[in-house]
Amino acid sequence: MDRETREKLMRGEAIDLADPRVGYRESDDAFDMGTLFEGIDGKEGSFAAIHCNKTICYRLAKAANGGYQAIEEVAANRLREFASAWDRAADGRARVQAFLALSEDCFHKKTLGGGGIPDPEDAVVQQAMRDLIPDVGEGNGAEAVVQLFSLARKRPQWRLYRNELWRDAERAANEVATGRAETMAAATLSVRHRVSNSGRKMPKRTVSTPLLLKGLEFDHVVIPDATHFGNERQAQAKLFYVAISRATRTLTIASSQRFVQFNAPDL
C-alpha cells in the first residue's frame, strides 16, 4: 500500500481493506489458517505473517504445523530460561524436564486419537531418545542431550516451528559437551553473540511482530485479524503501516471489518 495510505493512517482516517491492491479476507479469527495458506502453492518467494502479540505469533506458528517459523525476540528469554533450568538441575531427571519443556515450546506434537495407528518410524526414534535418558544424568549430561536435540528433529510426529530457538539451544548444548563452555548459561551467551554478529537468516515463511521485522522486506505478507492493531496501547497506526509496508509483491489482510481505523500517532 502506498504513500496515500500512510498519510491516511497518520491523520487517523479509516482504511478500506477491500483496496484492489490488497487480498482482503473477511475473518475474525487470527488462527484462520486460510489467511496463511490459501493460494500459497501458486506463489514463489518469501512470506511473512505479522501479528503484534509475540505469544500469538508462537501460537500461529504452532497451529501452522511448521509451515511458518516463529522468529525469536532479541533478548532470547526462552533460551536463557532453558539454560537456567539446566544449570540449576540437581539430577538427570530435572535436566530431562528442562529439555522436554523446551521441546513443548518448539514442536507441534501430533497425538494419536482413539484407535490411531502408531507411526513405526516415530516409535523407533522415540525409543532411541528414551535409551539416552539415563545418560543425561551422567557427568554434565551435555553429550547425551546433544543427541536428544538431534533425534527430536527426526521424529515424524513432531513438527518444529521455533527452529531458531531449538538450533541455538542445540548449539549451546554442544558448547558444553565439547568443553568450550562450563555452563549452559555461558554457552547461550556465546551462541547469541555469534548470531548477533553474523546476522539472522530468515526462513522462507516467517511469523513475527512488526518490530522484529522492521526494515525487512518479503515477497508476500499476510496479516491475520488486522483489527488487533487497535488493541495496541501505543503506535497503532505506525505498527500497522510497518506491517503492510513489508510486502513487495502481495499483501493479504484478514479482518472482521472491511474498514479499519486507528488513533492518529503523536508526532
C-alpha atoms as a PDB file:
ATOM      1  CA  MET A   1       0.000   0.000   0.000  1.00  0.00           C
ATOM      2  CA  ASP A   2       1.236   3.444  -0.903  1.00  0.00           C
ATOM      3  CA  ARG A   3       2.054   6.871   0.476  1.00  0.00           C
ATOM      4  CA  GLU A   4      -1.631   7.846   0.384  1.00  0.00           C
ATOM      5  CA  THR A   5      -2.407   5.026   2.844  1.00  0.00           C
ATOM      6  CA  ARG A   6       0.377   6.171   5.127  1.00  0.00           C
ATOM      7  CA  GLU A   7      -0.962   9.712   5.143  1.00  0.00           C
ATOM      8  CA  LYS A   8      -4.459   8.472   5.979  1.00  0.00           C
ATOM      9  CA  LEU A   9      -3.056   6.461   8.888  1.00  0.00           C
ATOM     10  CA  MET A  10      -1.122   9.476  10.129  1.00  0.00           C
ATOM     11  CA  ARG A  11      -4.361  11.501  10.103  1.00  0.00           C
ATOM     12  CA  GLY A  12      -6.322   8.749  11.859  1.00  0.00           C
ATOM     13  CA  GLU A  13      -8.609   8.144   8.886  1.00  0.00           C
ATOM     14  CA  ALA A  14     -10.304   4.856   8.004  1.00  0.00           C
ATOM     15  CA  ILE A  15      -8.561   2.453   5.631  1.00  0.00           C
ATOM     16  CA  ASP A  16     -10.536   0.388   3.131  1.00  0.00           C
ATOM     17  CA  LEU A  17      -9.095  -3.135   3.168  1.00  0.00           C
ATOM     18  CA  ALA A  18     -11.018  -4.020   0.003  1.00  0.00           C
ATOM     19  CA  ASP A  19      -8.464  -1.969  -1.929  1.00  0.00           C
ATOM     20  CA  PRO A  20      -7.803  -3.779  -5.256  1.00  0.00           C
ATOM     21  CA  ARG A  21      -4.097  -3.986  -4.350  1.00  0.00           C
ATOM     22  CA  VAL A  22      -4.941  -5.997  -1.243  1.00  0.00           C
ATOM     23  CA  GLY A  23      -6.212  -9.533  -0.885  1.00  0.00           C
ATOM     24  CA  TYR A  24      -8.953  -8.900   1.667  1.00  0.00           C
ATOM     25  CA  ARG A  25     -10.288 -11.887   3.610  1.00  0.00           C
ATOM     26  CA  GLU A  26     -13.274 -11.478   5.915  1.00  0.00           C
ATOM     27  CA  SER A  27     -12.422 -13.300   9.132  1.00  0.00           C
ATOM     28  CA  ASP A  28     -12.428 -12.535  12.847  1.00  0.00           C
ATOM     29  CA  ASP A  29     -10.162 -15.455  13.717  1.00  0.00           C
ATOM     30  CA  ALA A  30      -6.424 -14.807  13.980  1.00  0.00           C
ATOM     31  CA  PHE A  31      -5.930 -18.570  13.700  1.00  0.00           C
ATOM     32  CA  ASP A  32      -7.792 -18.923  10.422  1.00  0.00           C
ATOM     33  CA  MET A  33      -5.213 -20.968   8.513  1.00  0.00           C
ATOM     34  CA  GLY A  34      -6.767 -19.922   5.226  1.00  0.00           C
ATOM     35  CA  THR A  35      -5.196 -16.497   5.721  1.00  0.00           C
ATOM     36  CA  LEU A  36      -1.752 -18.057   5.963  1.00  0.00           C
ATOM     37  CA  PHE A  37      -2.032 -20.785   3.349  1.00  0.00           C
ATOM     38  CA  GLU A  38      -4.762 -20.045   0.787  1.00  0.00           C
ATOM     39  CA  GLY A  39      -3.128 -19.710  -2.643  1.00  0.00           C
ATOM     40  CA  ILE A  40       0.345 -20.209  -1.221  1.00  0.00           C
ATOM     41  CA  ASP A  41       1.207 -23.061  -3.591  1.00  0.00           C
ATOM     42  CA  GLY A  42       0.999 -20.740  -6.564  1.00  0.00           C
ATOM     43  CA  LYS A  43       3.366 -18.152  -5.100  1.00  0.00           C
ATOM     44  CA  GLU A  44       7.150 -18.099  -5.057  1.00  0.00           C
ATOM     45  CA  GLY A  45       9.430 -16.141  -2.770  1.00  0.00           C
ATOM     46  CA  SER A  46       9.457 -15.227   0.901  1.00  0.00           C
ATOM     47  CA  PHE A  47       6.421 -14.976   3.197  1.00  0.00           C
ATOM     48  CA  ALA A  48       5.762 -13.177   6.473  1.00  0.00           C
ATOM     49  CA  ALA A  49       2.728 -13.444   8.719  1.00  0.00           C
ATOM     50  CA  ILE A  50       2.641 -10.450  11.070  1.00  0.00           C
ATOM     51  CA  HIS A  51       0.908 -10.045  14.426  1.00  0.00           C
ATOM     52  CA  CYS A  52       1.719  -7.575  17.220  1.00  0.00           C
ATOM     53  CA  ASN A  53       1.466 -10.122  20.041  1.00  0.00           C
ATOM     54  CA  LYS A  54       4.553 -12.355  20.243  1.00  0.00           C
ATOM     55  CA  THR A  55       2.629 -15.069  22.117  1.00  0.00           C
ATOM     56  CA  ILE A  56       0.071 -15.150  19.311  1.00  0.00           C
ATOM     57  CA  CYS A  57       2.958 -15.396  16.828  1.00  0.00           C
ATOM     58  CA  TYR A  58       4.245 -18.526  18.560  1.00  0.00           C
ATOM     59  CA  ARG A  59       0.735 -19.996  18.672  1.00  0.00           C
ATOM     60  CA  LEU A  60       0.210 -19.193  14.990  1.00  0.00           C
ATOM     61  CA  ALA A  61       3.452 -20.954  14.074  1.00  0.00           C
ATOM     62  CA  LYS A  62       2.399 -23.972  16.125  1.00  0.00           C
ATOM     63  CA  ALA A  63      -1.071 -24.020  14.552  1.00  0.00           C
ATOM     64  CA  ALA A  64       0.554 -23.825  11.122  1.00  0.00           C
ATOM     65  CA  ASN A  65       2.224 -27.162  11.954  1.00  0.00           C
ATOM     66  CA  GLY A  66       5.681 -25.998  10.980  1.00  0.00           C
ATOM     67  CA  GLY A  67       4.511 -24.292   7.776  1.00  0.00           C
ATOM     68  CA  TYR A  68       5.744 -20.984   9.212  1.00  0.00           C
ATOM     69  CA  GLN A  69       8.670 -20.467  11.586  1.00  0.00           C
ATOM     70  CA  ALA A  70       8.426 -18.107  14.562  1.00  0.00           C
ATOM     71  CA  ILE A  71      11.266 -15.615  14.987  1.00  0.00           C
ATOM     72  CA  GLU A  72      12.749 -15.201  18.437  1.00  0.00           C
ATOM     73  CA  GLU A  73      12.923 -11.939  20.322  1.00  0.00           C
ATOM     74  CA  VAL A  74      16.359 -10.344  20.529  1.00  0.00           C
ATOM     75  CA  ALA A  75      16.536 -10.895  24.291  1.00  0.00           C
ATOM     76  CA  ALA A  76      16.195 -14.672  23.740  1.00  0.00           C
ATOM     77  CA  ASN A  77      14.330 -15.061  27.033  1.00  0.00           C
ATOM     78  CA  ARG A  78      13.166 -18.620  26.391  1.00  0.00           C
ATOM     79  CA  LEU A  79      16.697 -19.734  25.534  1.00  0.00           C
ATOM     80  CA  ARG A  80      18.030 -18.212  28.736  1.00  0.00           C
ATOM     81  CA  GLU A  81      15.196 -19.834  30.668  1.00  0.00           C
ATOM     82  CA  PHE A  82      16.225 -23.249  29.351  1.00  0.00           C
ATOM     83  CA  ALA A  83      19.879 -22.600  30.230  1.00  0.00           C
ATOM     84  CA  SER A  84      18.959 -21.550  33.758  1.00  0.00           C
ATOM     85  CA  ALA A  85      16.763 -24.619  34.298  1.00  0.00           C
ATOM     86  CA  TRP A  86      19.521 -26.893  33.029  1.00  0.00           C
ATOM     87  CA  ASP A  87      22.267 -25.331  35.151  1.00  0.00           C
ATOM     88  CA  ARG A  88      20.277 -25.467  38.390  1.00  0.00           C
ATOM     89  CA  ALA A  89      19.061 -29.042  37.786  1.00  0.00           C
ATOM     90  CA  ALA A  90      20.090 -31.254  40.692  1.00  0.00           C
ATOM     91  CA  ASP A  91      19.924 -34.504  38.742  1.00  0.00           C
ATOM     92  CA  GLY A  92      19.316 -36.088  35.366  1.00  0.00           C
ATOM     93  CA  ARG A  93      15.565 -36.079  35.819  1.00  0.00           C
ATOM     94  CA  ALA A  94      15.479 -32.299  36.223  1.00  0.00           C
ATOM     95  CA  ARG A  95      17.709 -31.909  33.158  1.00  0.00           C
ATOM     96  CA  VAL A  96      15.339 -34.062  31.123  1.00  0.00           C
ATOM     97  CA  GLN A  97      12.421 -31.947  32.313  1.00  0.00           C
ATOM     98  CA  ALA A  98      14.220 -28.806  31.119  1.00  0.00           C
ATOM     99  CA  PHE A  99      14.744 -30.427  27.713  1.00  0.00           C
ATOM    100  CA  LEU A 100      11.138 -31.642  27.445  1.00  0.00           C
ATOM    101  CA  ALA A 101       9.724 -28.268  28.493  1.00  0.00           C
ATOM    102  CA  LEU A 102      11.723 -26.638  25.710  1.00  0.00           C
ATOM    103  CA  SER A 103      10.517 -29.217  23.203  1.00  0.00           C
ATOM    104  CA  GLU A 104       6.909 -28.413  24.123  1.00  0.00           C
ATOM    105  CA  ASP A 105       7.558 -24.790  23.155  1.00  0.00           C
ATOM    106  CA  CYS A 106       9.292 -25.655  19.880  1.00  0.00           C
ATOM    107  CA  PHE A 107       7.387 -28.569  18.349  1.00  0.00           C
ATOM    108  CA  HIS A 108       3.818 -29.244  17.354  1.00  0.00           C
ATOM    109  CA  LYS A 109       3.483 -32.833  18.568  1.00  0.00           C
ATOM    110  CA  LYS A 110       0.880 -34.901  16.769  1.00  0.00           C
ATOM    111  CA  THR A 111      -1.044 -37.131  19.117  1.00  0.00           C
ATOM    112  CA  LEU A 112      -2.885 -40.294  18.180  1.00  0.00           C
ATOM    113  CA  GLY A 113      -6.636 -40.154  18.515  1.00  0.00           C
ATOM    114  CA  GLY A 114      -8.754 -43.073  19.605  1.00  0.00           C
ATOM    115  CA  GLY A 115      -7.818 -46.090  17.533  1.00  0.00           C
ATOM    116  CA  GLY A 116      -4.911 -44.282  15.851  1.00  0.00           C
ATOM    117  CA  ILE A 117      -2.118 -46.407  14.446  1.00  0.00           C
ATOM    118  CA  PRO A 118       1.358 -45.560  15.811  1.00  0.00           C
ATOM    119  CA  ASP A 119       3.969 -44.472  13.277  1.00  0.00           C
ATOM    120  CA  PRO A 120       6.674 -47.204  13.275  1.00  0.00           C
ATOM    121  CA  GLU A 121       9.399 -44.738  12.275  1.00  0.00           C
ATOM    122  CA  ASP A 122       8.421 -42.354  15.059  1.00  0.00           C
ATOM    123  CA  ALA A 123       8.402 -45.226  17.561  1.00  0.00           C
ATOM    124  CA  VAL A 124      11.998 -46.119  16.630  1.00  0.00           C
ATOM    125  CA  VAL A 125      13.222 -42.552  17.177  1.00  0.00           C
ATOM    126  CA  GLN A 126      11.202 -42.277  20.382  1.00  0.00           C
ATOM    127  CA  GLN A 127      12.862 -45.402  21.748  1.00  0.00           C
ATOM    128  CA  ALA A 128      16.302 -44.097  20.814  1.00  0.00           C
ATOM    129  CA  MET A 129      15.532 -40.944  22.802  1.00  0.00           C
ATOM    130  CA  ARG A 130      14.337 -42.974  25.789  1.00  0.00           C
ATOM    131  CA  ASP A 131      17.546 -45.010  25.718  1.00  0.00           C
ATOM    132  CA  LEU A 132      19.538 -41.804  26.146  1.00  0.00           C
ATOM    133  CA  ILE A 133      17.639 -40.595  29.225  1.00  0.00           C
ATOM    134  CA  PRO A 134      19.923 -42.325  31.805  1.00  0.00           C
ATOM    135  CA  ASP A 135      22.995 -40.729  30.180  1.00  0.00           C
ATOM    136  CA  VAL A 136      21.621 -37.221  30.769  1.00  0.00           C
ATOM    137  CA  GLY A 137      22.311 -37.763  34.467  1.00  0.00           C
ATOM    138  CA  GLU A 138      25.940 -38.752  33.867  1.00  0.00           C
ATOM    139  CA  GLY A 139      28.639 -36.057  34.151  1.00  0.00           C
ATOM    140  CA  ASN A 140      27.385 -32.751  32.801  1.00  0.00           C
ATOM    141  CA  GLY A 141      24.817 -34.577  30.641  1.00  0.00           C
ATOM    142  CA  ALA A 142      25.530 -32.359  27.653  1.00  0.00           C
ATOM    143  CA  GLU A 143      26.733 -35.029  25.235  1.00  0.00           C
ATOM    144  CA  ALA A 144      23.536 -37.030  25.722  1.00  0.00           C
ATOM    145  CA  VAL A 145      21.254 -34.018  25.375  1.00  0.00           C
ATOM    146  CA  VAL A 146      23.002 -33.006  22.137  1.00  0.00           C
ATOM    147  CA  GLN A 147      21.902 -36.373  20.748  1.00  0.00           C
ATOM    148  CA  LEU A 148      18.387 -35.775  22.070  1.00  0.00           C
ATOM    149  CA  PHE A 149      18.251 -32.426  20.271  1.00  0.00           C
ATOM    150  CA  SER A 150      19.221 -34.114  17.015  1.00  0.00           C
ATOM    151  CA  LEU A 151      16.814 -37.040  17.410  1.00  0.00           C
ATOM    152  CA  ALA A 152      13.883 -34.747  18.182  1.00  0.00           C
ATOM    153  CA  ARG A 153      14.208 -33.224  14.702  1.00  0.00           C
ATOM    154  CA  LYS A 154      13.874 -36.701  13.175  1.00  0.00           C
ATOM    155  CA  ARG A 155      10.556 -37.621  14.772  1.00  0.00           C
ATOM    156  CA  PRO A 156       7.891 -37.768  12.037  1.00  0.00           C
ATOM    157  CA  GLN A 157       5.162 -36.894  14.560  1.00  0.00           C
ATOM    158  CA  TRP A 158       6.923 -33.713  15.706  1.00  0.00           C
ATOM    159  CA  ARG A 159       6.890 -30.540  13.577  1.00  0.00           C
ATOM    160  CA  LEU A 160       9.410 -27.862  14.525  1.00  0.00           C
ATOM    161  CA  TYR A 161       8.021 -24.312  14.484  1.00  0.00           C
ATOM    162  CA  ARG A 162      10.656 -22.459  16.532  1.00  0.00           C
ATOM    163  CA  ASN A 163      13.713 -23.627  14.656  1.00  0.00           C
ATOM    164  CA  GLU A 164      15.837 -20.640  15.679  1.00  0.00           C
ATOM    165  CA  LEU A 165      15.308 -21.339  19.383  1.00  0.00           C
ATOM    166  CA  TRP A 166      15.897 -25.084  19.007  1.00  0.00           C
ATOM    167  CA  ARG A 167      19.013 -24.529  16.903  1.00  0.00           C
ATOM    168  CA  ASP A 168      20.549 -22.106  19.409  1.00  0.00           C
ATOM    169  CA  ALA A 169      19.787 -24.384  22.369  1.00  0.00           C
ATOM    170  CA  GLU A 170      21.344 -27.300  20.497  1.00  0.00           C
ATOM    171  CA  ARG A 171      24.432 -25.238  19.725  1.00  0.00           C
ATOM    172  CA  ALA A 172      24.696 -24.212  23.379  1.00  0.00           C
ATOM    173  CA  ALA A 173      24.479 -27.845  24.486  1.00  0.00           C
ATOM    174  CA  ASN A 174      27.249 -28.688  22.042  1.00  0.00           C
ATOM    175  CA  GLU A 175      29.412 -25.907  23.521  1.00  0.00           C
ATOM    176  CA  VAL A 176      29.094 -27.549  26.941  1.00  0.00           C
ATOM    177  CA  ALA A 177      29.587 -31.068  25.556  1.00  0.00           C
ATOM    178  CA  THR A 178      32.863 -30.119  23.856  1.00  0.00           C
ATOM    179  CA  GLY A 179      34.161 -28.211  26.868  1.00  0.00           C
ATOM    180  CA  ARG A 180      34.071 -24.781  25.225  1.00  0.00           C
ATOM    181  CA  ALA A 181      31.708 -23.577  27.976  1.00  0.00           C
ATOM    182  CA  GLU A 182      31.334 -24.695  31.585  1.00  0.00           C
ATOM    183  CA  THR A 183      27.652 -23.849  31.954  1.00  0.00           C
ATOM    184  CA  MET A 184      24.660 -23.745  29.644  1.00  0.00           C
ATOM    185  CA  ALA A 185      24.143 -20.077  30.539  1.00  0.00           C
ATOM    186  CA  ALA A 186      27.663 -19.196  29.401  1.00  0.00           C
ATOM    187  CA  ALA A 187      27.159 -21.259  26.260  1.00  0.00           C
ATOM    188  CA  THR A 188      23.934 -19.459  25.325  1.00  0.00           C
ATOM    189  CA  LEU A 189      25.641 -16.091  25.684  1.00  0.00           C
ATOM    190  CA  SER A 190      28.375 -17.246  23.319  1.00  0.00           C
ATOM    191  CA  VAL A 191      25.871 -18.607  20.806  1.00  0.00           C
ATOM    192  CA  ARG A 192      23.725 -15.472  20.800  1.00  0.00           C
ATOM    193  CA  HIS A 193      26.811 -13.293  20.434  1.00  0.00           C
ATOM    194  CA  ARG A 194      27.802 -15.181  17.286  1.00  0.00           C
ATOM    195  CA  VAL A 195      24.268 -14.918  15.921  1.00  0.00           C
ATOM    196  CA  SER A 196      24.155 -11.154  16.502  1.00  0.00           C
ATOM    197  CA  ASN A 197      27.499 -10.725  14.736  1.00  0.00           C
ATOM    198  CA  SER A 198      26.640 -12.879  11.736  1.00  0.00           C
ATOM    199  CA  GLY A 199      23.034 -11.746  11.423  1.00  0.00           C
ATOM    200  CA  ARG A 200      19.950 -13.933  11.410  1.00  0.00           C
ATOM    201  CA  LYS A 201      18.850 -15.747   8.294  1.00  0.00           C
ATOM    202  CA  MET A 202      15.124 -15.542   7.780  1.00  0.00           C
ATOM    203  CA  PRO A 203      13.235 -18.730   6.955  1.00  0.00           C
ATOM    204  CA  LYS A 204      11.172 -18.806   3.765  1.00  0.00           C
ATOM    205  CA  ARG A 205       7.973 -18.455   5.795  1.00  0.00           C
ATOM    206  CA  THR A 206       8.195 -16.274   8.888  1.00  0.00           C
ATOM    207  CA  VAL A 207       5.686 -15.308  11.554  1.00  0.00           C
ATOM    208  CA  SER A 208       6.671 -12.438  13.823  1.00  0.00           C
ATOM    209  CA  THR A 209       5.872  -8.979  15.178  1.00  0.00           C
ATOM    210  CA  PRO A 210       6.137  -5.720  13.194  1.00  0.00           C
ATOM    211  CA  LEU A 211       9.024  -4.501  15.357  1.00  0.00           C
ATOM    212  CA  LEU A 212      11.156  -7.601  14.761  1.00  0.00           C
ATOM    213  CA  LEU A 213      10.547  -7.375  11.009  1.00  0.00           C
ATOM    214  CA  LYS A 214      11.042  -3.612  10.701  1.00  0.00           C
ATOM    215  CA  GLY A 215      13.478  -2.792   7.901  1.00  0.00           C
ATOM    216  CA  LEU A 216      12.997  -6.179   6.223  1.00  0.00           C
ATOM    217  CA  GLU A 217      11.028  -6.947   3.078  1.00  0.00           C
ATOM    218  CA  PHE A 218       9.117 -10.046   1.990  1.00  0.00           C
ATOM    219  CA  ASP A 219       7.564 -11.001  -1.324  1.00  0.00           C
ATOM    220  CA  HIS A 220       4.276 -11.843   0.339  1.00  0.00           C
ATOM    221  CA  VAL A 221       2.826 -10.576   3.614  1.00  0.00           C
ATOM    222  CA  VAL A 222      -0.275 -11.844   5.405  1.00  0.00           C
ATOM    223  CA  ILE A 223      -1.894 -10.111   8.365  1.00  0.00           C
ATOM    224  CA  PRO A 224      -4.281 -12.208  10.479  1.00  0.00           C
ATOM    225  CA  ASP A 225      -7.090 -10.260  12.163  1.00  0.00           C
ATOM    226  CA  ALA A 226      -5.998  -6.718  11.319  1.00  0.00           C
ATOM    227  CA  THR A 227      -8.307  -5.227  13.964  1.00  0.00           C
ATOM    228  CA  HIS A 228      -5.905  -6.396  16.677  1.00  0.00           C
ATOM    229  CA  PHE A 229      -3.653  -3.409  15.926  1.00  0.00           C
ATOM    230  CA  GLY A 230      -6.320  -1.293  17.585  1.00  0.00           C
ATOM    231  CA  ASN A 231      -5.607  -3.087  20.864  1.00  0.00           C
ATOM    232  CA  GLU A 232      -2.049  -1.790  20.990  1.00  0.00           C
ATOM    233  CA  ARG A 233      -1.528   0.880  23.618  1.00  0.00           C
ATOM    234  CA  GLN A 234       0.940   2.828  21.503  1.00  0.00           C
ATOM    235  CA  ALA A 235       1.742   3.428  17.842  1.00  0.00           C
ATOM    236  CA  GLN A 236      -1.309   1.628  16.455  1.00  0.00           C
ATOM    237  CA  ALA A 237      -1.162   3.320  13.065  1.00  0.00           C
ATOM    238  CA  LYS A 238       2.630   3.185  12.835  1.00  0.00           C
ATOM    239  CA  LEU A 239       2.751  -0.532  13.626  1.00  0.00           C
ATOM    240  CA  PHE A 240       0.044  -1.237  11.061  1.00  0.00           C
ATOM    241  CA  TYR A 241       1.979   0.700   8.422  1.00  0.00           C
ATOM    242  CA  VAL A 242       5.207  -1.128   9.280  1.00  0.00           C
ATOM    243  CA  ALA A 243       3.357  -4.420   8.819  1.00  0.00           C
ATOM    244  CA  ILE A 244       1.701  -3.657   5.491  1.00  0.00           C
ATOM    245  CA  SER A 245       4.795  -1.992   4.033  1.00  0.00           C
ATOM    246  CA  ARG A 246       6.909  -5.156   4.420  1.00  0.00           C
ATOM    247  CA  ALA A 247       5.259  -6.608   1.288  1.00  0.00           C
ATOM    248  CA  THR A 248       6.875  -6.178  -2.126  1.00  0.00           C
ATOM    249  CA  ARG A 249       4.527  -8.318  -4.252  1.00  0.00           C
ATOM    250  CA  THR A 250       1.306  -9.328  -2.499  1.00  0.00           C
ATOM    251  CA  LEU A 251      -0.472  -8.278   0.685  1.00  0.00           C
ATOM    252  CA  THR A 252      -3.259 -10.338   2.263  1.00  0.00           C
ATOM    253  CA  ILE A 253      -5.221  -8.883   5.164  1.00  0.00           C
ATOM    254  CA  ALA A 254      -7.860 -10.693   7.194  1.00  0.00           C
ATOM    255  CA  SER A 255     -10.302  -8.680   9.263  1.00  0.00           C
ATOM    256  CA  SER A 256     -13.817  -8.888  10.638  1.00  0.00           C
ATOM    257  CA  GLN A 257     -14.380  -5.374   9.276  1.00  0.00           C
ATOM    258  CA  ARG A 258     -13.744  -4.041   5.783  1.00  0.00           C
ATOM    259  CA  PHE A 259     -12.664  -0.670   7.194  1.00  0.00           C
ATOM    260  CA  VAL A 260     -10.059  -0.298   9.941  1.00  0.00           C
ATOM    261  CA  GLN A 261      -9.227   2.903  11.758  1.00  0.00           C
ATOM    262  CA  PHE A 262      -6.542   3.646  14.333  1.00  0.00           C
ATOM    263  CA  ASN A 263      -5.683   6.585  16.523  1.00  0.00           C
ATOM    264  CA  ALA A 264      -3.534   9.176  14.767  1.00  0.00           C
ATOM    265  CA  PRO A 265       0.034   8.865  16.094  1.00  0.00           C
ATOM    266  CA  ASP A 266       1.617  11.582  18.207  1.00  0.00           C
ATOM    267  CA  LEU A 267       4.255  13.303  16.125  1.00  0.00           C
END
